[in-house]
Amino acid sequence: MCSSDLDNPSTILIMTKTTFATVEKNHEAMNTWHVIDASGQTLGRMATRIATILMGKHRPDYTPHILVGEGVIVTNADKIKLTGNKANTREYTFYTGHPGGLRSVKLGEYLEKAPDEVVRLAVRRMLPKNRIARRMISRLKVYRGAEHPHVAQKPAALS
């Protein structure tokens, strides 16, 4: 904007407002749940979508330091698909806490044994690494089959 624009009284300055989430929005988000059917979906793409909902980045009043994310219920986690050769090449490593306790398992084996834990790990690693993320991941419920016990929360279907 140049100085001649400021001298002209007909020039309208438009100010934008930044919206922040409030405690009321937090309570509203805490009562909102979504159901995602994982059958036939790709693990990574579905995990990014779930992480976005848990963080609340899909909402116009997203505020990083306030939990405005909504709850997510994932069904049919055992029917999730992987692309490429990830099932045979990708390894998940963990440490047992004992000397020489470094363990690793291939993603394909882990998906057969605990598909709900694979989905939970994929989403958890996409969340921020802070205290609020621990509360976000607690709002993720993953089930192997098509049934879930969260009918009372009245979840909305998310394709």
N, C-alpha and C. Protein backbone atom coordinates (compact mmCIF):
# COMPACT_ATOMS: atom_id res chain seq x y z
N MET A 1 0.85 -1.17 0.00
CA MET A 1 0.00 0.00 0.00
C MET A 1 0.90 1.23 0.00
N CYS A 2 0.64 2.15 -0.89
CA CYS A 2 1.47 3.35 -0.97
C CYS A 2 0.81 4.49 -0.19
N SER A 3 1.53 5.61 -0.05
CA SER A 3 1.05 6.73 0.77
C SER A 3 -0.17 7.41 0.14
N SER A 4 -0.29 7.35 -1.20
CA SER A 4 -1.45 7.99 -1.84
C SER A 4 -2.75 7.24 -1.49
N ASP A 5 -2.67 5.95 -1.24
CA ASP A 5 -3.84 5.19 -0.84
C ASP A 5 -4.32 5.59 0.55
N LEU A 6 -3.39 5.95 1.41
CA LEU A 6 -3.77 6.36 2.77
C LEU A 6 -4.41 7.74 2.79
N ASP A 7 -4.03 8.60 1.82
CA ASP A 7 -4.60 9.94 1.76
C ASP A 7 -6.02 9.93 1.22
N ASN A 8 -6.36 8.95 0.44
CA ASN A 8 -7.69 8.86 -0.16
C ASN A 8 -8.67 8.28 0.87
N PRO A 9 -9.71 9.02 1.28
CA PRO A 9 -10.64 8.52 2.29
C PRO A 9 -11.52 7.39 1.80
N SER A 10 -11.62 7.19 0.49
CA SER A 10 -12.48 6.13 -0.01
C SER A 10 -11.81 4.75 0.05
N THR A 11 -10.52 4.73 0.38
CA THR A 11 -9.82 3.47 0.49
C THR A 11 -10.26 2.76 1.77
N ILE A 12 -10.65 1.53 1.63
CA ILE A 12 -11.12 0.75 2.78
C ILE A 12 -10.02 -0.23 3.16
N LEU A 13 -9.65 -0.19 4.40
CA LEU A 13 -8.66 -1.13 4.91
C LEU A 13 -9.40 -2.32 5.49
N ILE A 14 -9.08 -3.49 5.01
CA ILE A 14 -9.72 -4.70 5.50
C ILE A 14 -8.74 -5.40 6.45
N MET A 15 -9.18 -5.56 7.67
CA MET A 15 -8.36 -6.24 8.66
C MET A 15 -8.92 -7.65 8.84
N THR A 16 -8.04 -8.59 8.91
CA THR A 16 -8.49 -9.95 9.15
C THR A 16 -8.36 -10.29 10.61
N LYS A 17 -9.26 -11.10 11.11
CA LYS A 17 -9.21 -11.50 12.50
C LYS A 17 -8.74 -12.94 12.60
N THR A 18 -7.91 -13.19 13.55
CA THR A 18 -7.48 -14.54 13.82
C THR A 18 -8.39 -15.13 14.88
N THR A 19 -8.96 -16.28 14.60
CA THR A 19 -9.86 -16.90 15.56
C THR A 19 -9.09 -17.93 16.37
N PHE A 20 -9.37 -17.97 17.63
CA PHE A 20 -8.77 -18.95 18.52
C PHE A 20 -9.87 -19.79 19.13
N ALA A 21 -9.56 -21.02 19.37
CA ALA A 21 -10.52 -21.91 19.98
C ALA A 21 -10.69 -21.56 21.45
N THR A 22 -11.90 -21.76 21.96
CA THR A 22 -12.19 -21.49 23.35
C THR A 22 -12.48 -22.80 24.07
N VAL A 23 -12.74 -22.70 25.34
CA VAL A 23 -13.05 -23.88 26.13
C VAL A 23 -14.35 -24.52 25.65
N GLU A 24 -15.31 -23.68 25.22
CA GLU A 24 -16.57 -24.22 24.71
C GLU A 24 -16.34 -25.05 23.45
N LYS A 25 -15.45 -24.57 22.58
CA LYS A 25 -15.14 -25.32 21.36
C LYS A 25 -14.44 -26.63 21.71
N ASN A 26 -13.64 -26.61 22.76
CA ASN A 26 -12.98 -27.82 23.22
C ASN A 26 -14.02 -28.85 23.63
N HIS A 27 -15.02 -28.44 24.40
CA HIS A 27 -16.07 -29.36 24.84
C HIS A 27 -16.89 -29.86 23.65
N GLU A 28 -17.13 -28.98 22.70
CA GLU A 28 -17.88 -29.38 21.50
C GLU A 28 -17.11 -30.43 20.71
N ALA A 29 -15.81 -30.23 20.57
CA ALA A 29 -14.98 -31.18 19.82
C ALA A 29 -14.86 -32.50 20.57
N MET A 30 -14.83 -32.45 21.88
CA MET A 30 -14.69 -33.67 22.66
C MET A 30 -15.91 -34.58 22.52
N ASN A 31 -17.05 -34.02 22.14
CA ASN A 31 -18.27 -34.80 21.99
C ASN A 31 -18.54 -35.22 20.55
N THR A 32 -17.61 -34.94 19.64
CA THR A 32 -17.79 -35.28 18.24
C THR A 32 -16.90 -36.48 17.91
N TRP A 33 -17.50 -37.49 17.29
CA TRP A 33 -16.77 -38.70 16.93
C TRP A 33 -17.03 -39.04 15.47
N HIS A 34 -16.02 -39.65 14.83
CA HIS A 34 -16.11 -40.08 13.44
C HIS A 34 -15.74 -41.57 13.36
N VAL A 35 -16.39 -42.30 12.44
CA VAL A 35 -16.07 -43.70 12.19
C VAL A 35 -15.44 -43.81 10.81
N ILE A 36 -14.30 -44.48 10.73
CA ILE A 36 -13.63 -44.72 9.46
C ILE A 36 -13.54 -46.22 9.23
N ASP A 37 -14.02 -46.67 8.08
CA ASP A 37 -13.90 -48.07 7.70
C ASP A 37 -12.58 -48.24 6.96
N ALA A 38 -11.67 -49.02 7.52
CA ALA A 38 -10.32 -49.13 6.98
C ALA A 38 -10.19 -50.18 5.89
N SER A 39 -11.25 -50.89 5.57
CA SER A 39 -11.12 -51.97 4.60
C SER A 39 -10.79 -51.40 3.22
N GLY A 40 -9.67 -51.89 2.67
CA GLY A 40 -9.24 -51.48 1.34
C GLY A 40 -8.50 -50.15 1.30
N GLN A 41 -8.32 -49.47 2.42
CA GLN A 41 -7.62 -48.18 2.41
C GLN A 41 -6.13 -48.38 2.63
N THR A 42 -5.34 -47.47 2.10
CA THR A 42 -3.90 -47.49 2.27
C THR A 42 -3.54 -46.97 3.66
N LEU A 43 -2.60 -47.62 4.31
CA LEU A 43 -2.27 -47.31 5.70
C LEU A 43 -1.84 -45.86 5.89
N GLY A 44 -0.88 -45.39 5.13
CA GLY A 44 -0.34 -44.04 5.32
C GLY A 44 -1.32 -42.93 5.03
N ARG A 45 -2.06 -43.08 3.96
CA ARG A 45 -3.04 -42.04 3.59
C ARG A 45 -4.16 -41.96 4.61
N MET A 46 -4.58 -43.10 5.11
CA MET A 46 -5.62 -43.11 6.12
C MET A 46 -5.09 -42.52 7.43
N ALA A 47 -3.84 -42.83 7.77
CA ALA A 47 -3.25 -42.35 9.01
C ALA A 47 -3.10 -40.82 9.00
N THR A 48 -2.76 -40.23 7.86
CA THR A 48 -2.64 -38.77 7.81
C THR A 48 -4.01 -38.12 7.98
N ARG A 49 -5.02 -38.73 7.41
CA ARG A 49 -6.38 -38.19 7.55
C ARG A 49 -6.85 -38.27 9.01
N ILE A 50 -6.55 -39.39 9.66
CA ILE A 50 -6.93 -39.55 11.07
C ILE A 50 -6.16 -38.56 11.94
N ALA A 51 -4.86 -38.39 11.68
CA ALA A 51 -4.05 -37.46 12.47
C ALA A 51 -4.56 -36.03 12.33
N THR A 52 -5.00 -35.66 11.13
CA THR A 52 -5.55 -34.33 10.91
C THR A 52 -6.81 -34.11 11.73
N ILE A 53 -7.67 -35.12 11.79
CA ILE A 53 -8.90 -35.00 12.57
C ILE A 53 -8.59 -34.95 14.06
N LEU A 54 -7.67 -35.78 14.52
CA LEU A 54 -7.32 -35.80 15.95
C LEU A 54 -6.71 -34.47 16.40
N MET A 55 -5.91 -33.85 15.52
CA MET A 55 -5.30 -32.56 15.87
C MET A 55 -6.29 -31.41 15.76
N GLY A 56 -7.30 -31.58 14.92
CA GLY A 56 -8.28 -30.52 14.72
C GLY A 56 -7.91 -29.58 13.59
N LYS A 57 -6.97 -29.97 12.74
CA LYS A 57 -6.54 -29.08 11.66
C LYS A 57 -7.59 -28.94 10.56
N HIS A 58 -8.61 -29.75 10.57
CA HIS A 58 -9.68 -29.64 9.58
C HIS A 58 -10.71 -28.60 10.00
N ARG A 59 -10.58 -28.07 11.19
CA ARG A 59 -11.53 -27.08 11.71
C ARG A 59 -11.00 -25.67 11.46
N PRO A 60 -11.88 -24.71 11.22
CA PRO A 60 -11.42 -23.34 10.98
C PRO A 60 -10.87 -22.66 12.23
N ASP A 61 -11.20 -23.17 13.42
CA ASP A 61 -10.72 -22.56 14.66
C ASP A 61 -9.57 -23.35 15.27
N TYR A 62 -8.77 -24.01 14.42
CA TYR A 62 -7.63 -24.80 14.91
C TYR A 62 -6.67 -23.90 15.69
N THR A 63 -6.34 -24.35 16.88
CA THR A 63 -5.38 -23.66 17.73
C THR A 63 -4.39 -24.71 18.23
N PRO A 64 -3.09 -24.53 17.99
CA PRO A 64 -2.13 -25.59 18.31
C PRO A 64 -2.03 -25.94 19.79
N HIS A 65 -2.25 -24.97 20.68
CA HIS A 65 -2.05 -25.24 22.10
C HIS A 65 -3.31 -25.64 22.84
N ILE A 66 -4.43 -25.80 22.11
CA ILE A 66 -5.69 -26.23 22.72
C ILE A 66 -6.17 -27.47 21.97
N LEU A 67 -6.66 -28.45 22.71
CA LEU A 67 -7.13 -29.68 22.11
C LEU A 67 -8.52 -29.46 21.51
N VAL A 68 -8.59 -29.27 20.20
CA VAL A 68 -9.86 -29.08 19.52
C VAL A 68 -10.13 -30.21 18.54
N GLY A 69 -9.30 -31.25 18.58
CA GLY A 69 -9.49 -32.39 17.70
C GLY A 69 -10.67 -33.24 18.13
N GLU A 70 -11.18 -33.99 17.19
CA GLU A 70 -12.34 -34.83 17.44
C GLU A 70 -11.90 -36.29 17.56
N GLY A 71 -12.77 -37.13 18.08
CA GLY A 71 -12.46 -38.53 18.26
C GLY A 71 -12.66 -39.32 16.98
N VAL A 72 -11.87 -40.40 16.83
CA VAL A 72 -11.94 -41.23 15.63
C VAL A 72 -12.02 -42.69 16.04
N ILE A 73 -12.95 -43.42 15.41
CA ILE A 73 -13.10 -44.85 15.61
C ILE A 73 -12.77 -45.51 14.28
N VAL A 74 -11.80 -46.42 14.28
CA VAL A 74 -11.40 -47.11 13.06
C VAL A 74 -11.86 -48.56 13.16
N THR A 75 -12.61 -49.01 12.17
CA THR A 75 -13.05 -50.40 12.13
C THR A 75 -12.40 -51.12 10.96
N ASN A 76 -12.41 -52.44 11.01
CA ASN A 76 -11.81 -53.30 9.97
C ASN A 76 -10.33 -53.01 9.76
N ALA A 77 -9.60 -52.86 10.83
CA ALA A 77 -8.16 -52.59 10.72
C ALA A 77 -7.41 -53.77 10.13
N ASP A 78 -7.97 -54.97 10.22
CA ASP A 78 -7.29 -56.14 9.66
C ASP A 78 -7.39 -56.21 8.14
N LYS A 79 -8.21 -55.35 7.52
CA LYS A 79 -8.37 -55.35 6.06
C LYS A 79 -7.65 -54.18 5.40
N ILE A 80 -6.72 -53.57 6.11
CA ILE A 80 -5.98 -52.44 5.56
C ILE A 80 -4.95 -52.96 4.56
N LYS A 81 -4.59 -52.13 3.58
CA LYS A 81 -3.63 -52.58 2.58
C LYS A 81 -2.37 -51.73 2.62
N LEU A 82 -1.30 -52.33 2.14
CA LEU A 82 -0.01 -51.67 2.02
C LEU A 82 0.36 -51.64 0.55
N THR A 83 1.06 -50.60 0.13
CA THR A 83 1.48 -50.51 -1.25
C THR A 83 2.94 -50.93 -1.38
N GLY A 84 3.31 -51.34 -2.56
CA GLY A 84 4.70 -51.70 -2.81
C GLY A 84 5.12 -52.96 -2.07
N ASN A 85 6.36 -52.99 -1.67
CA ASN A 85 6.93 -54.16 -0.98
C ASN A 85 7.16 -53.86 0.50
N LYS A 86 6.33 -52.96 1.06
CA LYS A 86 6.53 -52.55 2.45
C LYS A 86 6.36 -53.68 3.44
N ALA A 87 5.49 -54.62 3.14
CA ALA A 87 5.23 -55.72 4.06
C ALA A 87 6.48 -56.55 4.31
N ASN A 88 7.35 -56.64 3.32
CA ASN A 88 8.55 -57.47 3.45
C ASN A 88 9.80 -56.67 3.81
N THR A 89 9.82 -55.37 3.53
CA THR A 89 11.05 -54.60 3.74
C THR A 89 11.01 -53.70 4.96
N ARG A 90 9.87 -53.13 5.30
CA ARG A 90 9.81 -52.20 6.42
C ARG A 90 9.85 -52.97 7.74
N GLU A 91 10.68 -52.48 8.66
CA GLU A 91 10.82 -53.12 9.97
C GLU A 91 10.45 -52.14 11.06
N TYR A 92 9.77 -52.64 12.06
CA TYR A 92 9.49 -51.87 13.27
C TYR A 92 10.44 -52.39 14.34
N THR A 93 11.20 -51.48 14.94
CA THR A 93 12.14 -51.89 15.98
C THR A 93 11.70 -51.32 17.31
N PHE A 94 11.95 -52.06 18.36
CA PHE A 94 11.67 -51.60 19.71
C PHE A 94 12.70 -52.20 20.65
N TYR A 95 12.81 -51.61 21.79
CA TYR A 95 13.80 -52.04 22.77
C TYR A 95 13.08 -52.52 24.01
N THR A 96 13.44 -53.71 24.50
CA THR A 96 12.74 -54.31 25.63
C THR A 96 13.13 -53.69 26.96
N GLY A 97 14.28 -53.07 27.02
CA GLY A 97 14.74 -52.48 28.28
C GLY A 97 15.82 -53.32 28.95
N HIS A 98 16.11 -54.48 28.40
CA HIS A 98 17.15 -55.35 28.94
C HIS A 98 18.38 -55.28 28.02
N PRO A 99 19.56 -55.62 28.53
CA PRO A 99 20.76 -55.61 27.68
C PRO A 99 20.58 -56.57 26.50
N GLY A 100 20.87 -56.10 25.31
CA GLY A 100 20.71 -56.90 24.10
C GLY A 100 19.26 -57.09 23.72
N GLY A 101 18.39 -56.20 24.16
CA GLY A 101 16.96 -56.37 23.96
C GLY A 101 16.40 -55.64 22.76
N LEU A 102 17.21 -55.36 21.76
CA LEU A 102 16.71 -54.71 20.56
C LEU A 102 15.99 -55.75 19.70
N ARG A 103 14.73 -55.52 19.43
CA ARG A 103 13.92 -56.45 18.66
C ARG A 103 13.40 -55.76 17.41
N SER A 104 13.21 -56.50 16.36
CA SER A 104 12.63 -55.94 15.15
C SER A 104 11.67 -56.96 14.55
N VAL A 105 10.63 -56.46 13.92
CA VAL A 105 9.63 -57.31 13.30
C VAL A 105 9.23 -56.67 11.97
N LYS A 106 9.05 -57.50 10.95
CA LYS A 106 8.64 -57.01 9.63
C LYS A 106 7.21 -56.50 9.72
N LEU A 107 6.89 -55.52 8.89
CA LEU A 107 5.56 -54.91 8.91
C LEU A 107 4.48 -55.91 8.55
N GLY A 108 4.75 -56.81 7.63
CA GLY A 108 3.77 -57.82 7.24
C GLY A 108 3.40 -58.74 8.39
N GLU A 109 4.41 -59.17 9.15
CA GLU A 109 4.16 -60.03 10.31
C GLU A 109 3.40 -59.27 11.39
N TYR A 110 3.79 -58.03 11.60
CA TYR A 110 3.15 -57.21 12.62
C TYR A 110 1.69 -56.92 12.26
N LEU A 111 1.43 -56.76 10.96
CA LEU A 111 0.07 -56.50 10.50
C LEU A 111 -0.83 -57.72 10.69
N GLU A 112 -0.26 -58.92 10.54
CA GLU A 112 -1.04 -60.13 10.79
C GLU A 112 -1.31 -60.32 12.27
N LYS A 113 -0.32 -60.02 13.09
CA LYS A 113 -0.43 -60.26 14.53
C LYS A 113 -1.27 -59.19 15.23
N ALA A 114 -1.03 -57.93 14.94
CA ALA A 114 -1.72 -56.83 15.64
C ALA A 114 -2.00 -55.68 14.68
N PRO A 115 -3.01 -55.80 13.81
CA PRO A 115 -3.28 -54.72 12.85
C PRO A 115 -3.76 -53.44 13.53
N ASP A 116 -4.44 -53.55 14.66
CA ASP A 116 -4.89 -52.36 15.36
C ASP A 116 -3.71 -51.56 15.91
N GLU A 117 -2.67 -52.25 16.33
CA GLU A 117 -1.49 -51.56 16.85
C GLU A 117 -0.69 -50.91 15.73
N VAL A 118 -0.70 -51.49 14.53
CA VAL A 118 -0.01 -50.88 13.38
C VAL A 118 -0.66 -49.55 13.02
N VAL A 119 -2.00 -49.53 13.00
CA VAL A 119 -2.71 -48.28 12.69
C VAL A 119 -2.44 -47.24 13.77
N ARG A 120 -2.47 -47.65 15.03
CA ARG A 120 -2.23 -46.73 16.14
C ARG A 120 -0.82 -46.14 16.08
N LEU A 121 0.18 -46.97 15.75
CA LEU A 121 1.56 -46.48 15.63
C LEU A 121 1.71 -45.51 14.48
N ALA A 122 1.08 -45.82 13.35
CA ALA A 122 1.18 -44.94 12.17
C ALA A 122 0.60 -43.57 12.47
N VAL A 123 -0.52 -43.54 13.19
CA VAL A 123 -1.14 -42.25 13.52
C VAL A 123 -0.33 -41.53 14.58
N ARG A 124 0.12 -42.25 15.59
CA ARG A 124 0.86 -41.63 16.70
C ARG A 124 2.14 -40.94 16.22
N ARG A 125 2.78 -41.52 15.24
CA ARG A 125 4.03 -40.93 14.73
C ARG A 125 3.79 -39.71 13.87
N MET A 126 2.53 -39.46 13.48
CA MET A 126 2.20 -38.27 12.70
C MET A 126 1.71 -37.13 13.59
N LEU A 127 1.52 -37.37 14.86
CA LEU A 127 1.07 -36.34 15.78
C LEU A 127 2.26 -35.58 16.33
N PRO A 128 2.07 -34.38 16.88
CA PRO A 128 3.18 -33.67 17.49
C PRO A 128 3.72 -34.44 18.69
N LYS A 129 4.95 -34.18 19.04
CA LYS A 129 5.58 -34.89 20.15
C LYS A 129 5.49 -34.02 21.40
N ASN A 130 4.31 -33.99 22.01
CA ASN A 130 4.12 -33.19 23.23
C ASN A 130 3.00 -33.78 24.08
N ARG A 131 2.63 -33.08 25.14
CA ARG A 131 1.63 -33.57 26.07
C ARG A 131 0.24 -33.65 25.45
N ILE A 132 -0.08 -32.70 24.60
CA ILE A 132 -1.40 -32.68 23.98
C ILE A 132 -1.56 -33.89 23.06
N ALA A 133 -0.48 -34.34 22.43
CA ALA A 133 -0.56 -35.49 21.54
C ALA A 133 -0.93 -36.75 22.30
N ARG A 134 -0.52 -36.86 23.54
CA ARG A 134 -0.90 -38.01 24.34
C ARG A 134 -2.40 -38.03 24.61
N ARG A 135 -2.99 -36.86 24.75
CA ARG A 135 -4.45 -36.78 24.90
C ARG A 135 -5.14 -37.02 23.56
N MET A 136 -4.50 -36.62 22.46
CA MET A 136 -5.09 -36.85 21.13
C MET A 136 -5.15 -38.35 20.83
N ILE A 137 -4.07 -39.06 21.08
CA ILE A 137 -4.02 -40.48 20.74
C ILE A 137 -4.97 -41.29 21.61
N SER A 138 -5.33 -40.77 22.77
CA SER A 138 -6.30 -41.48 23.60
C SER A 138 -7.70 -41.39 23.01
N ARG A 139 -7.92 -40.48 22.07
CA ARG A 139 -9.23 -40.33 21.41
C ARG A 139 -9.31 -41.14 20.12
N LEU A 140 -8.32 -42.00 19.89
CA LEU A 140 -8.32 -42.90 18.74
C LEU A 140 -8.65 -44.30 19.23
N LYS A 141 -9.69 -44.89 18.68
CA LYS A 141 -10.11 -46.25 19.03
C LYS A 141 -10.04 -47.09 17.76
N VAL A 142 -9.25 -48.17 17.79
CA VAL A 142 -9.03 -49.01 16.61
C VAL A 142 -9.52 -50.42 16.91
N TYR A 143 -10.30 -50.99 15.99
CA TYR A 143 -10.85 -52.34 16.15
C TYR A 143 -10.59 -53.16 14.90
N ARG A 144 -10.30 -54.44 15.11
CA ARG A 144 -10.01 -55.34 13.99
C ARG A 144 -11.23 -55.60 13.14
N GLY A 145 -12.36 -55.82 13.75
CA GLY A 145 -13.58 -56.17 13.03
C GLY A 145 -14.44 -54.96 12.71
N ALA A 146 -15.66 -55.25 12.25
CA ALA A 146 -16.57 -54.17 11.84
C ALA A 146 -17.37 -53.62 13.02
N GLU A 147 -17.38 -54.31 14.14
CA GLU A 147 -18.17 -53.88 15.30
C GLU A 147 -17.33 -53.03 16.25
N HIS A 148 -17.98 -52.05 16.87
CA HIS A 148 -17.33 -51.24 17.91
C HIS A 148 -18.35 -50.92 18.99
N PRO A 149 -17.91 -50.72 20.23
CA PRO A 149 -18.85 -50.48 21.34
C PRO A 149 -19.17 -49.01 21.59
N HIS A 150 -18.95 -48.14 20.61
CA HIS A 150 -19.11 -46.70 20.83
C HIS A 150 -20.37 -46.15 20.16
N VAL A 151 -21.45 -46.89 20.22
CA VAL A 151 -22.70 -46.45 19.61
C VAL A 151 -23.27 -45.26 20.38
N ALA A 152 -23.04 -45.21 21.69
CA ALA A 152 -23.58 -44.14 22.52
C ALA A 152 -22.99 -42.77 22.17
N GLN A 153 -21.82 -42.74 21.56
CA GLN A 153 -21.19 -41.47 21.19
C GLN A 153 -21.79 -40.91 19.89
N LYS A 154 -22.64 -41.66 19.23
CA LYS A 154 -23.29 -41.26 17.97
C LYS A 154 -22.25 -40.80 16.93
N PRO A 155 -21.33 -41.70 16.55
CA PRO A 155 -20.31 -41.30 15.60
C PRO A 155 -20.86 -41.11 14.19
N ALA A 156 -20.30 -40.15 13.49
CA ALA A 156 -20.69 -39.88 12.09
C ALA A 156 -19.76 -40.68 11.18
N ALA A 157 -20.33 -41.29 10.17
CA ALA A 157 -19.53 -42.09 9.24
C ALA A 157 -18.67 -41.18 8.38
N LEU A 158 -17.41 -41.54 8.25
CA LEU A 158 -16.47 -40.81 7.42
C LEU A 158 -15.91 -41.80 6.42
N SER A 159 -16.13 -41.58 5.15
CA SER A 159 -15.72 -42.56 4.14
C SER A 159 -14.22 -42.62 3.94
